[in-house]
Amino acid sequence: MSLRHAMLGLLSAGPASGYDLLKTFEISLASVWPATQSQLYAELGRLSKEGLVRVVAEGPRGRKEYEITEEGHAELRHWLVEVSPNQTRRSDMLLRVFFLDQVDAEAARGYLERLAERAVHEHDQLRGIREFVISEGDDALRLYGDIALEWGLRLTAAQRDWAEWAAARVAALEQQKAGHTTAE
């Protein structure tokens, strides 16, 4: 996913200012594709220059409202169905797990427990977003946003379960080693 396609997708629901897009990003897409204010406004400029969006209203203090053009809709549809998604297989977190034997078992278990805590925190944040999504209407953007949100909820629940399981495995290994040491 790219910032440009996220913005085209949001604008496909109707015209919005850069500020409106930033707020919608913060509420709905930040957990999927975070963006800063400067990135968002720079991308709006590029999209406008390429004819994928256009300014439809200007207000006080340079406020501009943008809408997606037919070319923008075509680009969004092309990206949605014809461009294969980038499914990154690299995971800094799992690479660390692979080498946890380089630290003592307590540090390894602590790392895994922190992963579980982080997953719980992210899960709780997503549940807070769901309350907003469900309470604000029943249009297509909300439906598909809810479907994407459900993926995040299930993923964070799975991450929590896995990290708790992994920490328990390390703890069991610690106990097993302690038992062998005592028996000798």
C-alpha atoms as a PDB file:
ATOM      1  CA  MET A   1       0.000   0.000   0.000  1.00  0.00           C
ATOM      2  CA  SER A   2       1.167   3.478  -0.600  1.00  0.00           C
ATOM      3  CA  LEU A   3       0.176   6.772   0.879  1.00  0.00           C
ATOM      4  CA  ARG A   4      -1.147   7.870  -2.505  1.00  0.00           C
ATOM      5  CA  HIS A   5      -3.561   4.963  -2.720  1.00  0.00           C
ATOM      6  CA  ALA A   6      -4.708   5.425   0.856  1.00  0.00           C
ATOM      7  CA  MET A   7      -5.493   9.070   0.098  1.00  0.00           C
ATOM      8  CA  LEU A   8      -7.246   8.215  -3.167  1.00  0.00           C
ATOM      9  CA  GLY A   9      -9.291   5.638  -1.281  1.00  0.00           C
ATOM     10  CA  LEU A  10     -10.314   8.149   1.371  1.00  0.00           C
ATOM     11  CA  LEU A  11     -11.173  10.776  -1.227  1.00  0.00           C
ATOM     12  CA  SER A  12     -13.293   8.239  -3.116  1.00  0.00           C
ATOM     13  CA  ALA A  13     -15.784   8.588  -0.234  1.00  0.00           C
ATOM     14  CA  GLY A  14     -16.099  12.318  -0.921  1.00  0.00           C
ATOM     15  CA  PRO A  15     -14.200  15.623  -0.942  1.00  0.00           C
ATOM     16  CA  ALA A  16     -11.999  16.472   2.034  1.00  0.00           C
ATOM     17  CA  SER A  17      -9.360  18.953   3.096  1.00  0.00           C
ATOM     18  CA  GLY A  18      -5.838  17.949   4.018  1.00  0.00           C
ATOM     19  CA  TYR A  19      -6.769  18.449   7.660  1.00  0.00           C
ATOM     20  CA  ASP A  20      -9.838  16.213   7.282  1.00  0.00           C
ATOM     21  CA  LEU A  21      -7.719  13.530   5.611  1.00  0.00           C
ATOM     22  CA  LEU A  22      -5.119  13.731   8.388  1.00  0.00           C
ATOM     23  CA  LYS A  23      -7.797  13.259  11.061  1.00  0.00           C
ATOM     24  CA  THR A  24      -9.355  10.348   9.182  1.00  0.00           C
ATOM     25  CA  PHE A  25      -5.895   8.816   8.828  1.00  0.00           C
ATOM     26  CA  GLU A  26      -5.279   9.137  12.548  1.00  0.00           C
ATOM     27  CA  ILE A  27      -8.616   7.493  13.373  1.00  0.00           C
ATOM     28  CA  SER A  28      -8.741   4.748  10.780  1.00  0.00           C
ATOM     29  CA  LEU A  29      -5.522   4.064   8.880  1.00  0.00           C
ATOM     30  CA  ALA A  30      -2.719   4.918  11.307  1.00  0.00           C
ATOM     31  CA  SER A  31      -2.391   1.301  12.425  1.00  0.00           C
ATOM     32  CA  VAL A  32      -2.193   0.121   8.809  1.00  0.00           C
ATOM     33  CA  TRP A  33      -0.231   2.881   7.112  1.00  0.00           C
ATOM     34  CA  PRO A  34       0.914   5.763   9.342  1.00  0.00           C
ATOM     35  CA  ALA A  35       1.604   9.154   7.784  1.00  0.00           C
ATOM     36  CA  THR A  36       2.772  12.495   9.071  1.00  0.00           C
ATOM     37  CA  GLN A  37       1.150  15.807   8.241  1.00  0.00           C
ATOM     38  CA  SER A  38       4.046  16.813   5.987  1.00  0.00           C
ATOM     39  CA  GLN A  39       3.904  13.496   4.092  1.00  0.00           C
ATOM     40  CA  LEU A  40       0.172  13.842   3.599  1.00  0.00           C
ATOM     41  CA  TYR A  41       0.298  17.416   2.285  1.00  0.00           C
ATOM     42  CA  ALA A  42       3.263  16.624   0.018  1.00  0.00           C
ATOM     43  CA  GLU A  43       1.366  13.655  -1.437  1.00  0.00           C
ATOM     44  CA  LEU A  44      -1.734  15.808  -1.999  1.00  0.00           C
ATOM     45  CA  GLY A  45       0.465  18.160  -4.016  1.00  0.00           C
ATOM     46  CA  ARG A  46       1.813  15.290  -6.116  1.00  0.00           C
ATOM     47  CA  LEU A  47      -1.650  13.809  -6.653  1.00  0.00           C
ATOM     48  CA  SER A  48      -2.940  17.208  -7.758  1.00  0.00           C
ATOM     49  CA  LYS A  49       0.001  17.752 -10.097  1.00  0.00           C
ATOM     50  CA  GLU A  50      -0.623  14.318 -11.679  1.00  0.00           C
ATOM     51  CA  GLY A  51      -4.326  15.058 -12.141  1.00  0.00           C
ATOM     52  CA  LEU A  52      -5.481  12.310  -9.765  1.00  0.00           C
ATOM     53  CA  VAL A  53      -7.158  14.820  -7.424  1.00  0.00           C
ATOM     54  CA  ARG A  54      -8.252  18.429  -7.854  1.00  0.00           C
ATOM     55  CA  VAL A  55      -9.021  21.346  -5.600  1.00  0.00           C
ATOM     56  CA  VAL A  56     -12.771  21.951  -5.498  1.00  0.00           C
ATOM     57  CA  ALA A  57     -12.919  24.654  -2.817  1.00  0.00           C
ATOM     58  CA  GLU A  58     -10.587  27.081  -1.093  1.00  0.00           C
ATOM     59  CA  GLY A  59     -11.218  28.609   2.282  1.00  0.00           C
ATOM     60  CA  PRO A  60      -9.588  30.844   4.860  1.00  0.00           C
ATOM     61  CA  ARG A  61      -5.907  30.436   5.738  1.00  0.00           C
ATOM     62  CA  GLY A  62      -5.201  28.529   2.522  1.00  0.00           C
ATOM     63  CA  ARG A  63      -7.538  25.644   3.341  1.00  0.00           C
ATOM     64  CA  LYS A  64      -8.174  23.543   0.246  1.00  0.00           C
ATOM     65  CA  GLU A  65     -10.734  20.844  -0.268  1.00  0.00           C
ATOM     66  CA  TYR A  66      -9.796  18.065  -2.680  1.00  0.00           C
ATOM     67  CA  GLU A  67     -11.781  15.513  -4.631  1.00  0.00           C
ATOM     68  CA  ILE A  68     -10.669  12.494  -6.581  1.00  0.00           C
ATOM     69  CA  THR A  69     -10.785  12.776 -10.395  1.00  0.00           C
ATOM     70  CA  GLU A  70     -11.778  10.066 -12.887  1.00  0.00           C
ATOM     71  CA  GLU A  71      -8.057   9.469 -13.444  1.00  0.00           C
ATOM     72  CA  GLY A  72      -7.686   9.062  -9.681  1.00  0.00           C
ATOM     73  CA  HIS A  73     -10.538   6.550  -9.560  1.00  0.00           C
ATOM     74  CA  ALA A  74      -8.940   4.631 -12.444  1.00  0.00           C
ATOM     75  CA  GLU A  75      -5.574   4.572 -10.647  1.00  0.00           C
ATOM     76  CA  LEU A  76      -7.215   3.391  -7.427  1.00  0.00           C
ATOM     77  CA  ARG A  77      -9.151   0.615  -9.196  1.00  0.00           C
ATOM     78  CA  HIS A  78      -5.989  -0.459 -11.065  1.00  0.00           C
ATOM     79  CA  TRP A  79      -4.020  -0.643  -7.822  1.00  0.00           C
ATOM     80  CA  LEU A  80      -6.813  -2.500  -6.007  1.00  0.00           C
ATOM     81  CA  VAL A  81      -7.254  -5.340  -8.468  1.00  0.00           C
ATOM     82  CA  GLU A  82      -4.257  -5.462 -10.792  1.00  0.00           C
ATOM     83  CA  VAL A  83      -1.208  -4.723  -8.626  1.00  0.00           C
ATOM     84  CA  SER A  84      -0.081  -7.567  -6.372  1.00  0.00           C
ATOM     85  CA  PRO A  85       0.173  -6.569  -2.725  1.00  0.00           C
ATOM     86  CA  ASN A  86       3.606  -6.295  -1.203  1.00  0.00           C
ATOM     87  CA  GLN A  87       3.715  -8.991   1.458  1.00  0.00           C
ATOM     88  CA  THR A  88       6.926  -8.275   3.277  1.00  0.00           C
ATOM     89  CA  ARG A  89       8.443 -11.384   4.758  1.00  0.00           C
ATOM     90  CA  ARG A  90      11.006  -9.582   6.886  1.00  0.00           C
ATOM     91  CA  SER A  91      10.329  -9.309  10.583  1.00  0.00           C
ATOM     92  CA  ASP A  92      12.764  -7.586  12.897  1.00  0.00           C
ATOM     93  CA  MET A  93      10.789  -8.975  15.829  1.00  0.00           C
ATOM     94  CA  LEU A  94      11.052 -12.614  14.672  1.00  0.00           C
ATOM     95  CA  LEU A  95      14.703 -12.248  13.739  1.00  0.00           C
ATOM     96  CA  ARG A  96      15.361 -11.269  17.353  1.00  0.00           C
ATOM     97  CA  VAL A  97      13.350 -14.276  18.567  1.00  0.00           C
ATOM     98  CA  PHE A  98      15.490 -16.549  16.413  1.00  0.00           C
ATOM     99  CA  PHE A  99      18.624 -15.377  18.260  1.00  0.00           C
ATOM    100  CA  LEU A 100      17.236 -15.168  21.808  1.00  0.00           C
ATOM    101  CA  ASP A 101      19.583 -17.997  22.795  1.00  0.00           C
ATOM    102  CA  GLN A 102      22.280 -15.303  22.922  1.00  0.00           C
ATOM    103  CA  VAL A 103      20.773 -13.875  26.132  1.00  0.00           C
ATOM    104  CA  ASP A 104      19.823 -15.619  29.348  1.00  0.00           C
ATOM    105  CA  ALA A 105      16.396 -17.222  29.606  1.00  0.00           C
ATOM    106  CA  GLU A 106      15.055 -14.487  31.881  1.00  0.00           C
ATOM    107  CA  ALA A 107      15.898 -11.789  29.310  1.00  0.00           C
ATOM    108  CA  ALA A 108      14.416 -13.925  26.512  1.00  0.00           C
ATOM    109  CA  ARG A 109      11.219 -14.495  28.487  1.00  0.00           C
ATOM    110  CA  GLY A 110      11.051 -10.772  29.300  1.00  0.00           C
ATOM    111  CA  TYR A 111      11.343  -9.894  25.619  1.00  0.00           C
ATOM    112  CA  LEU A 112       8.497 -12.267  24.749  1.00  0.00           C
ATOM    113  CA  GLU A 113       6.346 -10.977  27.599  1.00  0.00           C
ATOM    114  CA  ARG A 114       6.860  -7.412  26.354  1.00  0.00           C
ATOM    115  CA  LEU A 115       5.737  -8.540  22.893  1.00  0.00           C
ATOM    116  CA  ALA A 116       2.563  -9.937  24.467  1.00  0.00           C
ATOM    117  CA  GLU A 117       1.996  -6.666  26.364  1.00  0.00           C
ATOM    118  CA  ARG A 118       2.502  -4.642  23.183  1.00  0.00           C
ATOM    119  CA  ALA A 119       0.005  -6.843  21.332  1.00  0.00           C
ATOM    120  CA  VAL A 120      -2.543  -6.328  24.131  1.00  0.00           C
ATOM    121  CA  HIS A 121      -1.999  -2.555  23.941  1.00  0.00           C
ATOM    122  CA  GLU A 122      -2.387  -2.502  20.138  1.00  0.00           C
ATOM    123  CA  HIS A 123      -5.466  -4.715  20.405  1.00  0.00           C
ATOM    124  CA  ASP A 124      -7.039  -2.319  22.911  1.00  0.00           C
ATOM    125  CA  GLN A 125      -6.300   0.643  20.639  1.00  0.00           C
ATOM    126  CA  LEU A 126      -7.978  -1.116  17.721  1.00  0.00           C
ATOM    127  CA  ARG A 127     -11.011  -1.938  19.863  1.00  0.00           C
ATOM    128  CA  GLY A 128     -11.296   1.797  20.594  1.00  0.00           C
ATOM    129  CA  ILE A 129     -11.244   2.538  16.877  1.00  0.00           C
ATOM    130  CA  ARG A 130     -13.934  -0.083  16.265  1.00  0.00           C
ATOM    131  CA  GLU A 131     -16.327   1.800  18.530  1.00  0.00           C
ATOM    132  CA  PHE A 132     -15.915   4.843  16.279  1.00  0.00           C
ATOM    133  CA  VAL A 133     -16.269   2.869  13.050  1.00  0.00           C
ATOM    134  CA  ILE A 134     -19.410   1.052  14.126  1.00  0.00           C
ATOM    135  CA  SER A 135     -21.092   4.094  15.631  1.00  0.00           C
ATOM    136  CA  GLU A 136     -20.610   6.394  12.656  1.00  0.00           C
ATOM    137  CA  GLY A 137     -22.675   4.823   9.886  1.00  0.00           C
ATOM    138  CA  ASP A 138     -23.057   1.931   7.535  1.00  0.00           C
ATOM    139  CA  ASP A 139     -21.497   3.009   4.236  1.00  0.00           C
ATOM    140  CA  ALA A 140     -19.117   0.919   2.124  1.00  0.00           C
ATOM    141  CA  LEU A 141     -15.960   2.652   3.416  1.00  0.00           C
ATOM    142  CA  ARG A 142     -16.963   1.814   6.978  1.00  0.00           C
ATOM    143  CA  LEU A 143     -17.838  -1.780   6.029  1.00  0.00           C
ATOM    144  CA  TYR A 144     -14.467  -2.425   4.430  1.00  0.00           C
ATOM    145  CA  GLY A 145     -12.716  -0.413   7.110  1.00  0.00           C
ATOM    146  CA  ASP A 146     -14.345  -2.669   9.687  1.00  0.00           C
ATOM    147  CA  ILE A 147     -13.201  -5.744   7.770  1.00  0.00           C
ATOM    148  CA  ALA A 148      -9.613  -4.410   7.773  1.00  0.00           C
ATOM    149  CA  LEU A 149      -9.950  -3.541  11.457  1.00  0.00           C
ATOM    150  CA  GLU A 150     -11.088  -7.096  12.204  1.00  0.00           C
ATOM    151  CA  TRP A 151      -7.879  -8.357  10.577  1.00  0.00           C
ATOM    152  CA  GLY A 152      -5.892  -6.149  12.951  1.00  0.00           C
ATOM    153  CA  LEU A 153      -7.880  -7.364  15.955  1.00  0.00           C
ATOM    154  CA  ARG A 154      -7.363 -10.999  15.028  1.00  0.00           C
ATOM    155  CA  LEU A 155      -3.686 -10.438  14.271  1.00  0.00           C
ATOM    156  CA  THR A 156      -2.982  -8.713  17.588  1.00  0.00           C
ATOM    157  CA  ALA A 157      -4.900 -11.433  19.454  1.00  0.00           C
ATOM    158  CA  ALA A 158      -2.818 -14.083  17.671  1.00  0.00           C
ATOM    159  CA  GLN A 159       0.402 -12.172  18.412  1.00  0.00           C
ATOM    160  CA  ARG A 160      -0.530 -11.977  22.094  1.00  0.00           C
ATOM    161  CA  ASP A 161      -1.381 -15.697  22.250  1.00  0.00           C
ATOM    162  CA  TRP A 162       1.831 -16.648  20.453  1.00  0.00           C
ATOM    163  CA  ALA A 163       4.048 -14.445  22.649  1.00  0.00           C
ATOM    164  CA  GLU A 164       2.447 -15.783  25.847  1.00  0.00           C
ATOM    165  CA  TRP A 165       2.913 -19.354  24.569  1.00  0.00           C
ATOM    166  CA  ALA A 166       6.554 -18.665  23.643  1.00  0.00           C
ATOM    167  CA  ALA A 167       7.290 -17.074  27.035  1.00  0.00           C
ATOM    168  CA  ALA A 168       5.777 -20.135  28.752  1.00  0.00           C
ATOM    169  CA  ARG A 169       8.003 -22.431  26.645  1.00  0.00           C
ATOM    170  CA  VAL A 170      11.092 -20.482  27.720  1.00  0.00           C
ATOM    171  CA  ALA A 171       9.951 -20.598  31.369  1.00  0.00           C
ATOM    172  CA  ALA A 172       9.458 -24.369  31.101  1.00  0.00           C
ATOM    173  CA  LEU A 173      12.961 -24.748  29.685  1.00  0.00           C
ATOM    174  CA  GLU A 174      14.311 -22.681  32.597  1.00  0.00           C
ATOM    175  CA  GLN A 175      12.541 -24.957  35.070  1.00  0.00           C
ATOM    176  CA  GLN A 176      13.774 -28.060  33.296  1.00  0.00           C
ATOM    177  CA  LYS A 177      17.382 -26.809  33.414  1.00  0.00           C
ATOM    178  CA  ALA A 178      17.000 -25.862  37.068  1.00  0.00           C
ATOM    179  CA  GLY A 179      15.706 -29.391  37.797  1.00  0.00           C
ATOM    180  CA  HIS A 180      18.711 -30.988  36.088  1.00  0.00           C
ATOM    181  CA  THR A 181      21.080 -28.748  38.015  1.00  0.00           C
ATOM    182  CA  THR A 182      19.433 -29.677  41.330  1.00  0.00           C
ATOM    183  CA  ALA A 183      19.438 -33.405  40.490  1.00  0.00           C
ATOM    184  CA  GLU A 184      23.169 -33.425  39.768  1.00  0.00           C
END
